[in-house]
Amino acid sequence: MLLQSPYQTYKRYRSLQTHKISAMPIVILMPHSACNCRCVMCDIWKGNQDLKQLSEADVLDLLTTLKNLGTRQVLMSGGEALLNPNFFRFCEILKTENIKISLLSTGLTLKKNAENLVKWVDDIIVSLDGDGATHDLIRNIPGAFHKMTEGIKAIRLLKPSFRITGRTVIHRLNYASWPQIIESAKHIGLDQISFLPADVSSHAFNREVLWSEKRQHEVLPEEKELDELKRVIDYLFTNNKHDFDRRFIAESREKIHNIWSYYAAFYGYNSFPYKKCNAPWVSVVVEADGTVRPCFFHEAMGNINHTSLEKIINSQSAIEFRKNLDMEKNETCKKCVCYLNLSPGTIL
């Protein structure tokens, strides 16, 4: 846990009140644009030939802003961040400011990088899609589940207490296997597992063109499957009560039920679940080509190749964006699947 001074808390409060960023506790970096999986619910891998990646100079330049804004945690996302040959150099640079580093990974190269991961990274979140067969099918990579499992074992051998959690996108191809996903998470030694629905309606994840209705329904549960999805969730509430109570399942029962509500909203049964989110005030996304976004899903604000990160997030247009953002009415926010709500006093 990274301690926080009262002054840092005050600056985070001021950011929320004035819409001018005085503190940015979380920054998401995408060191590498490519991915080593070919997931059915994501288009990142389709741009692998158009490679982009952050450089050491980029991260050194960013460090000034991160220091000024008291950044406490950097999430390395992607693509697959470990594909960047300078990944661990980035970690070394960030550690000079005592910044916590979390890695979001496909898990395919954990074993190869185990020693450096234990040295430089504070925790890892792996993508888990099901048991071995289901995981490999959704990832479109033979042996992906085995490679991830072996990587987790290698890290545990070096440091048994190292925190590794899982994140699962629940969708048409794996919702029926939800109980098996939880058991798989236990089997491979994860400390916790988290769930969210699939994003099918934004430009995120390398979608230059929004998905067609036909493409959406490759991932969305069909309307006739909603009852079965509800039965699966009800089964979890009964069968996995202990996993909810001890927070092995990260979400509350209400948030798990909201996955059903999210999919039901596409068929007009209810509104999209309300999300309390302040991501644009407490975090920022820097993509592999330098593009800066207030979160994964909203439009770009600028590029660090042309302007400093601090100037981008506090430009007049960025301040106006935050000031006028009504999350209850904004279509991007209403359909968001991955949201963040961080109070000023939250210690990371």
Protein backbone atom coordinates (compact mmCIF):
# COMPACT_ATOMS: atom_id res chain seq x y z
CA MET A 1 0.00 0.00 0.00
CA LEU A 2 1.30 3.47 -0.92
CA LEU A 3 0.65 6.09 1.72
CA GLN A 4 -0.94 9.42 0.77
CA SER A 5 -0.37 12.83 2.30
CA PRO A 6 -3.28 15.14 3.25
CA TYR A 7 -2.04 17.52 0.55
CA GLN A 8 -2.38 14.81 -2.11
CA THR A 9 -5.91 14.13 -0.90
CA TYR A 10 -6.71 17.86 -1.12
CA LYS A 11 -5.36 18.09 -4.68
CA ARG A 12 -7.48 15.11 -5.75
CA TYR A 13 -10.51 16.80 -4.22
CA ARG A 14 -9.72 20.01 -6.12
CA SER A 15 -9.49 18.08 -9.40
CA LEU A 16 -13.02 16.80 -8.92
CA GLN A 17 -14.34 20.23 -7.96
CA THR A 18 -12.62 22.47 -10.51
CA HIS A 19 -12.22 19.99 -13.43
CA LYS A 20 -8.59 21.11 -13.68
CA ILE A 21 -6.34 18.16 -12.87
CA SER A 22 -4.19 18.86 -9.81
CA ALA A 23 -3.57 15.19 -9.04
CA MET A 24 -3.62 12.12 -11.28
CA PRO A 25 -3.32 9.03 -9.04
CA ILE A 26 -3.61 6.47 -11.84
CA VAL A 27 -2.12 6.44 -15.33
CA ILE A 28 -2.68 3.67 -17.89
CA LEU A 29 0.16 3.15 -20.34
CA MET A 30 0.02 1.00 -23.47
CA PRO A 31 3.71 0.25 -24.14
CA HIS A 32 3.01 -1.86 -27.23
CA SER A 33 0.14 -1.79 -29.73
CA ALA A 34 0.28 -5.44 -30.78
CA CYS A 35 -1.13 -8.46 -28.99
CA ASN A 36 -0.08 -12.12 -28.91
CA CYS A 37 -3.69 -13.36 -28.78
CA ARG A 38 -6.49 -13.17 -31.35
CA CYS A 39 -9.53 -12.84 -29.09
CA VAL A 40 -13.02 -12.99 -30.52
CA MET A 41 -14.22 -9.97 -28.51
CA CYS A 42 -11.26 -7.69 -29.36
CA ASP A 43 -9.76 -6.24 -32.54
CA ILE A 44 -6.37 -5.14 -31.18
CA TRP A 45 -4.58 -8.07 -32.86
CA LYS A 46 -5.95 -7.04 -36.26
CA GLY A 47 -3.58 -4.08 -36.18
CA ASN A 48 -0.45 -6.08 -35.32
CA GLN A 49 1.21 -5.24 -38.62
CA ASP A 50 0.89 -1.52 -37.90
CA LEU A 51 3.20 -1.68 -34.91
CA LYS A 52 3.46 1.25 -32.50
CA GLN A 53 5.25 1.37 -29.17
CA LEU A 54 6.33 3.80 -26.49
CA SER A 55 10.03 4.56 -26.21
CA GLU A 56 12.29 5.10 -23.22
CA ALA A 57 12.33 8.80 -24.09
CA ASP A 58 8.51 8.86 -23.98
CA VAL A 59 8.42 7.42 -20.46
CA LEU A 60 11.21 9.71 -19.24
CA ASP A 61 9.24 12.70 -20.56
CA LEU A 62 6.07 11.44 -18.90
CA LEU A 63 7.83 11.10 -15.57
CA THR A 64 7.86 14.88 -15.06
CA THR A 65 4.07 15.02 -15.30
CA LEU A 66 3.61 11.91 -13.15
CA LYS A 67 5.81 13.45 -10.46
CA ASN A 68 4.02 16.81 -10.61
CA LEU A 69 0.59 15.18 -10.36
CA GLY A 70 1.52 12.67 -7.66
CA THR A 71 0.79 9.55 -9.71
CA ARG A 72 0.74 6.51 -7.42
CA GLN A 73 -0.01 3.67 -9.81
CA VAL A 74 0.71 2.89 -13.46
CA LEU A 75 -1.26 0.15 -15.17
CA MET A 76 0.61 -1.39 -18.09
CA SER A 77 -2.03 -2.38 -20.62
CA GLY A 78 -2.14 -3.07 -24.32
CA GLY A 79 -1.96 -4.99 -26.57
CA GLU A 80 0.50 -7.07 -24.63
CA ALA A 81 2.80 -4.74 -22.73
CA LEU A 82 5.54 -7.38 -22.37
CA LEU A 83 6.08 -7.32 -26.14
CA ASN A 84 7.86 -3.99 -25.77
CA PRO A 85 11.59 -4.83 -25.46
CA ASN A 86 12.04 -1.85 -23.10
CA PHE A 87 9.21 -2.86 -20.76
CA PHE A 88 11.38 -3.49 -17.72
CA ARG A 89 13.38 -0.32 -18.38
CA PHE A 90 10.06 1.56 -18.21
CA CYS A 91 9.42 -0.09 -14.84
CA GLU A 92 12.86 0.93 -13.61
CA ILE A 93 12.20 4.56 -14.58
CA LEU A 94 8.80 4.61 -12.85
CA LYS A 95 10.16 3.04 -9.70
CA THR A 96 12.44 6.06 -9.20
CA GLU A 97 9.26 7.90 -8.12
CA ASN A 98 7.97 4.99 -6.01
CA ILE A 99 5.12 4.36 -8.46
CA LYS A 100 3.29 1.06 -8.13
CA ILE A 101 3.23 -0.95 -11.37
CA SER A 102 0.38 -3.27 -12.31
CA LEU A 103 0.54 -5.39 -15.44
CA LEU A 104 -2.50 -6.46 -17.46
CA SER A 105 -1.37 -9.46 -19.49
CA THR A 106 -2.49 -12.33 -21.69
CA GLY A 107 -0.17 -14.48 -19.58
CA LEU A 108 1.57 -16.12 -22.53
CA THR A 109 5.08 -14.92 -21.65
CA LEU A 110 4.94 -14.82 -17.85
CA LYS A 111 7.25 -17.82 -17.49
CA LYS A 112 9.90 -16.32 -19.77
CA ASN A 113 9.82 -13.04 -17.84
CA ALA A 114 9.19 -14.39 -14.33
CA GLU A 115 12.38 -13.15 -12.67
CA ASN A 116 12.05 -9.60 -13.97
CA LEU A 117 8.33 -9.50 -13.20
CA VAL A 118 8.96 -10.37 -9.58
CA LYS A 119 11.68 -7.72 -9.45
CA TRP A 120 9.92 -4.81 -11.13
CA VAL A 121 6.13 -5.36 -11.11
CA ASP A 122 3.88 -5.14 -8.04
CA ASP A 123 0.97 -7.25 -9.27
CA ILE A 124 -0.37 -8.91 -12.41
CA ILE A 125 -3.88 -9.21 -13.80
CA VAL A 126 -4.24 -11.99 -16.36
CA SER A 127 -7.07 -12.48 -18.82
CA LEU A 128 -8.94 -15.73 -18.15
CA ASP A 129 -11.73 -16.86 -20.48
CA GLY A 130 -12.61 -20.32 -19.21
CA ASP A 131 -11.16 -23.75 -18.64
CA GLY A 132 -8.33 -24.84 -20.91
CA ALA A 133 -10.40 -25.64 -23.98
CA THR A 134 -12.69 -22.59 -23.74
CA HIS A 135 -9.82 -20.22 -22.98
CA ASP A 136 -7.79 -21.41 -25.98
CA LEU A 137 -10.85 -21.23 -28.24
CA ILE A 138 -11.66 -17.63 -27.31
CA ARG A 139 -7.99 -16.58 -27.43
CA ASN A 140 -7.49 -18.37 -30.76
CA ILE A 141 -4.10 -19.54 -29.47
CA PRO A 142 -3.46 -23.29 -28.95
CA GLY A 143 -1.92 -23.92 -25.54
CA ALA A 144 -2.63 -20.41 -24.23
CA PHE A 145 -4.15 -21.71 -20.99
CA HIS A 146 -1.18 -24.01 -20.35
CA LYS A 147 1.34 -21.22 -20.99
CA MET A 148 -0.47 -18.91 -18.60
CA THR A 149 -0.65 -21.63 -15.93
CA GLU A 150 3.06 -22.40 -16.26
CA GLY A 151 3.86 -18.70 -16.00
CA ILE A 152 1.87 -18.32 -12.80
CA LYS A 153 3.66 -21.35 -11.33
CA ALA A 154 7.06 -19.90 -12.24
CA ILE A 155 6.26 -16.62 -10.49
CA ARG A 156 4.91 -18.40 -7.40
CA LEU A 157 8.11 -20.43 -7.15
CA LEU A 158 10.12 -17.23 -7.04
CA LYS A 159 7.76 -15.34 -4.74
CA PRO A 160 4.77 -17.24 -3.29
CA SER A 161 3.13 -14.04 -2.01
CA PHE A 162 3.18 -12.26 -5.39
CA ARG A 163 -0.36 -11.09 -6.18
CA ILE A 164 -1.86 -12.44 -9.41
CA THR A 165 -5.53 -11.90 -10.16
CA GLY A 166 -7.73 -12.64 -13.15
CA ARG A 167 -10.20 -10.69 -15.25
CA THR A 168 -12.86 -12.36 -17.36
CA VAL A 169 -15.01 -10.82 -20.07
CA ILE A 170 -18.34 -12.66 -19.92
CA HIS A 171 -20.04 -13.04 -23.29
CA ARG A 172 -21.91 -15.44 -25.54
CA LEU A 173 -19.09 -17.99 -25.83
CA ASN A 174 -18.36 -18.44 -22.13
CA TYR A 175 -21.31 -17.35 -19.95
CA ALA A 176 -22.56 -20.96 -19.62
CA SER A 177 -19.11 -21.93 -18.32
CA TRP A 178 -19.04 -19.24 -15.64
CA PRO A 179 -18.85 -21.70 -12.70
CA GLN A 180 -15.98 -23.52 -14.44
CA ILE A 181 -14.15 -20.21 -14.93
CA ILE A 182 -14.21 -19.65 -11.17
CA GLU A 183 -12.91 -23.16 -10.53
CA SER A 184 -10.19 -22.68 -13.15
CA ALA A 185 -9.13 -19.46 -11.42
CA LYS A 186 -8.70 -21.40 -8.20
CA HIS A 187 -6.92 -24.26 -9.94
CA ILE A 188 -4.25 -22.07 -11.52
CA GLY A 189 -3.67 -20.23 -8.25
CA LEU A 190 -5.21 -16.80 -8.77
CA ASP A 191 -5.79 -14.63 -5.70
CA GLN A 192 -9.02 -13.16 -7.05
CA ILE A 193 -11.18 -13.13 -10.17
CA SER A 194 -13.13 -10.20 -11.64
CA PHE A 195 -15.89 -10.14 -14.26
CA LEU A 196 -17.24 -7.63 -16.75
CA PRO A 197 -19.44 -7.74 -19.87
CA ALA A 198 -18.06 -7.34 -23.38
CA ASP A 199 -17.84 -3.93 -24.97
CA VAL A 200 -19.54 -4.16 -28.37
CA SER A 201 -20.48 -0.54 -29.02
CA SER A 202 -17.39 1.69 -28.77
CA HIS A 203 -14.29 2.50 -30.81
CA ALA A 204 -12.05 1.04 -28.10
CA PHE A 205 -9.78 -1.96 -28.69
CA ASN A 206 -8.66 -0.86 -32.16
CA ARG A 207 -12.10 -0.51 -33.74
CA GLU A 208 -11.72 2.16 -36.39
CA VAL A 209 -15.24 1.28 -37.54
CA LEU A 210 -18.00 0.50 -35.07
CA TRP A 211 -19.11 -3.11 -35.09
CA SER A 212 -22.08 -4.00 -37.24
CA GLU A 213 -25.11 -5.59 -35.62
CA LYS A 214 -24.02 -8.94 -37.06
CA ARG A 215 -20.55 -8.57 -35.54
CA GLN A 216 -22.02 -7.53 -32.20
CA HIS A 217 -24.12 -10.67 -32.05
CA GLU A 218 -21.05 -12.85 -32.39
CA VAL A 219 -20.30 -11.73 -28.84
CA LEU A 220 -23.65 -10.63 -27.36
CA PRO A 221 -25.78 -13.39 -25.82
CA GLU A 222 -28.88 -13.81 -27.93
CA GLU A 223 -32.19 -12.57 -26.54
CA LYS A 224 -33.32 -16.17 -26.10
CA GLU A 225 -30.21 -16.84 -24.00
CA LEU A 226 -30.94 -14.16 -21.39
CA ASP A 227 -32.97 -16.54 -19.23
CA GLU A 228 -30.12 -19.04 -19.19
CA LEU A 229 -27.64 -16.28 -18.32
CA LYS A 230 -29.89 -15.30 -15.42
CA ARG A 231 -30.01 -18.93 -14.22
CA VAL A 232 -26.22 -19.15 -14.33
CA ILE A 233 -25.92 -16.00 -12.23
CA ASP A 234 -28.50 -17.26 -9.73
CA TYR A 235 -26.52 -20.50 -9.49
CA LEU A 236 -23.36 -18.52 -8.66
CA PHE A 237 -25.16 -16.63 -5.91
CA THR A 238 -26.04 -19.95 -4.26
CA ASN A 239 -23.15 -22.24 -5.16
CA ASN A 240 -20.35 -19.68 -4.83
CA LYS A 241 -21.62 -17.83 -1.76
CA HIS A 242 -18.30 -18.33 0.02
CA ASP A 243 -16.38 -16.91 -2.97
CA PHE A 244 -18.46 -13.73 -2.81
CA ASP A 245 -18.17 -13.47 0.97
CA ARG A 246 -14.38 -13.81 1.00
CA ARG A 247 -14.02 -11.56 -2.08
CA PHE A 248 -12.42 -14.23 -4.24
CA ILE A 249 -15.02 -12.93 -6.69
CA ALA A 250 -14.11 -9.25 -6.73
CA GLU A 251 -17.54 -7.84 -7.59
CA SER A 252 -20.57 -7.61 -5.34
CA ARG A 253 -23.63 -9.66 -6.19
CA GLU A 254 -25.27 -6.47 -7.46
CA LYS A 255 -22.46 -5.83 -9.95
CA ILE A 256 -22.58 -9.44 -11.16
CA HIS A 257 -26.33 -9.11 -11.71
CA ASN A 258 -25.63 -5.91 -13.67
CA ILE A 259 -23.85 -8.01 -16.29
CA TRP A 260 -27.24 -9.56 -17.04
CA SER A 261 -28.85 -6.10 -17.00
CA TYR A 262 -26.21 -4.78 -19.39
CA TYR A 263 -26.97 -7.45 -21.98
CA ALA A 264 -30.72 -7.21 -21.37
CA ALA A 265 -30.55 -3.49 -22.17
CA PHE A 266 -29.60 -4.28 -25.76
CA TYR A 267 -33.00 -5.93 -26.16
CA GLY A 268 -34.97 -3.17 -24.41
CA TYR A 269 -35.75 -5.00 -21.16
CA ASN A 270 -34.20 -2.28 -19.00
CA SER A 271 -31.85 0.67 -19.09
CA PHE A 272 -28.11 0.14 -19.06
CA PRO A 273 -26.94 -0.17 -15.45
CA TYR A 274 -25.93 3.09 -13.81
CA LYS A 275 -22.19 3.46 -13.27
CA LYS A 276 -20.69 5.90 -10.79
CA CYS A 277 -17.42 6.81 -12.45
CA ASN A 278 -14.82 9.57 -12.17
CA ALA A 279 -12.13 8.05 -14.41
CA PRO A 280 -11.50 11.24 -16.47
CA TRP A 281 -10.71 13.13 -13.23
CA VAL A 282 -8.43 10.52 -11.60
CA SER A 283 -6.80 8.64 -14.48
CA VAL A 284 -5.66 8.98 -18.08
CA VAL A 285 -4.76 6.59 -20.90
CA VAL A 286 -1.60 6.98 -22.97
CA GLU A 287 -1.63 4.71 -26.03
CA ALA A 288 1.35 3.18 -27.81
CA ASP A 289 1.45 5.92 -30.45
CA GLY A 290 1.28 8.67 -27.82
CA THR A 291 -2.46 9.31 -28.10
CA VAL A 292 -3.98 10.53 -24.84
CA ARG A 293 -7.56 9.72 -23.84
CA PRO A 294 -9.57 10.51 -20.69
CA CYS A 295 -10.42 6.79 -20.52
CA PHE A 296 -10.35 3.81 -22.88
CA PHE A 297 -13.64 4.74 -24.54
CA HIS A 298 -13.78 8.52 -25.08
CA GLU A 299 -12.21 10.52 -27.90
CA ALA A 300 -8.55 11.49 -27.87
CA MET A 301 -7.47 14.76 -26.20
CA GLY A 302 -4.01 15.06 -27.75
CA ASN A 303 -0.69 13.29 -28.26
CA ILE A 304 2.45 13.34 -26.11
CA ASN A 305 4.57 13.52 -29.28
CA HIS A 306 3.32 17.09 -29.73
CA THR A 307 2.45 18.36 -26.24
CA SER A 308 3.27 17.37 -22.67
CA LEU A 309 0.78 15.15 -20.89
CA GLU A 310 0.11 17.79 -18.24
CA LYS A 311 -0.75 20.41 -20.87
CA ILE A 312 -3.00 17.95 -22.71
CA ILE A 313 -5.11 16.97 -19.71
CA ASN A 314 -5.40 20.60 -18.58
CA SER A 315 -6.07 22.14 -21.96
CA GLN A 316 -9.20 24.26 -22.16
CA SER A 317 -10.93 21.64 -24.29
CA ALA A 318 -10.09 18.85 -21.80
CA ILE A 319 -11.37 20.91 -18.87
CA GLU A 320 -14.57 21.71 -20.76
CA PHE A 321 -15.01 18.02 -21.61
CA ARG A 322 -14.90 17.06 -17.92
CA LYS A 323 -17.04 19.99 -16.86
CA ASN A 324 -19.81 19.13 -19.34
CA LEU A 325 -19.67 15.33 -19.13
CA ASP A 326 -23.05 14.02 -17.98
CA MET A 327 -22.51 10.31 -17.47
CA GLU A 328 -26.22 9.60 -17.14
CA LYS A 329 -26.86 10.95 -20.64
CA ASN A 330 -23.59 10.41 -22.51
CA GLU A 331 -24.02 7.39 -24.80
CA THR A 332 -20.41 6.23 -24.34
CA CYS A 333 -20.71 6.34 -20.56
CA LYS A 334 -24.15 4.72 -20.52
CA LYS A 335 -22.81 1.65 -22.38
CA CYS A 336 -19.44 1.54 -20.62
CA VAL A 337 -18.32 -1.84 -19.30
CA CYS A 338 -15.19 -0.83 -17.40
CA TYR A 339 -15.47 2.10 -15.02
CA LEU A 340 -13.52 3.59 -12.13
CA ASN A 341 -14.71 5.55 -9.12
CA LEU A 342 -11.92 6.75 -6.85
CA SER A 343 -12.69 9.03 -3.92
CA PRO A 344 -10.07 11.64 -2.95
CA GLY A 345 -9.12 9.77 0.21
CA THR A 346 -8.69 6.35 -1.36
CA ILE A 347 -5.23 4.95 -0.70
CA LEU A 348 -3.90 2.86 -3.57
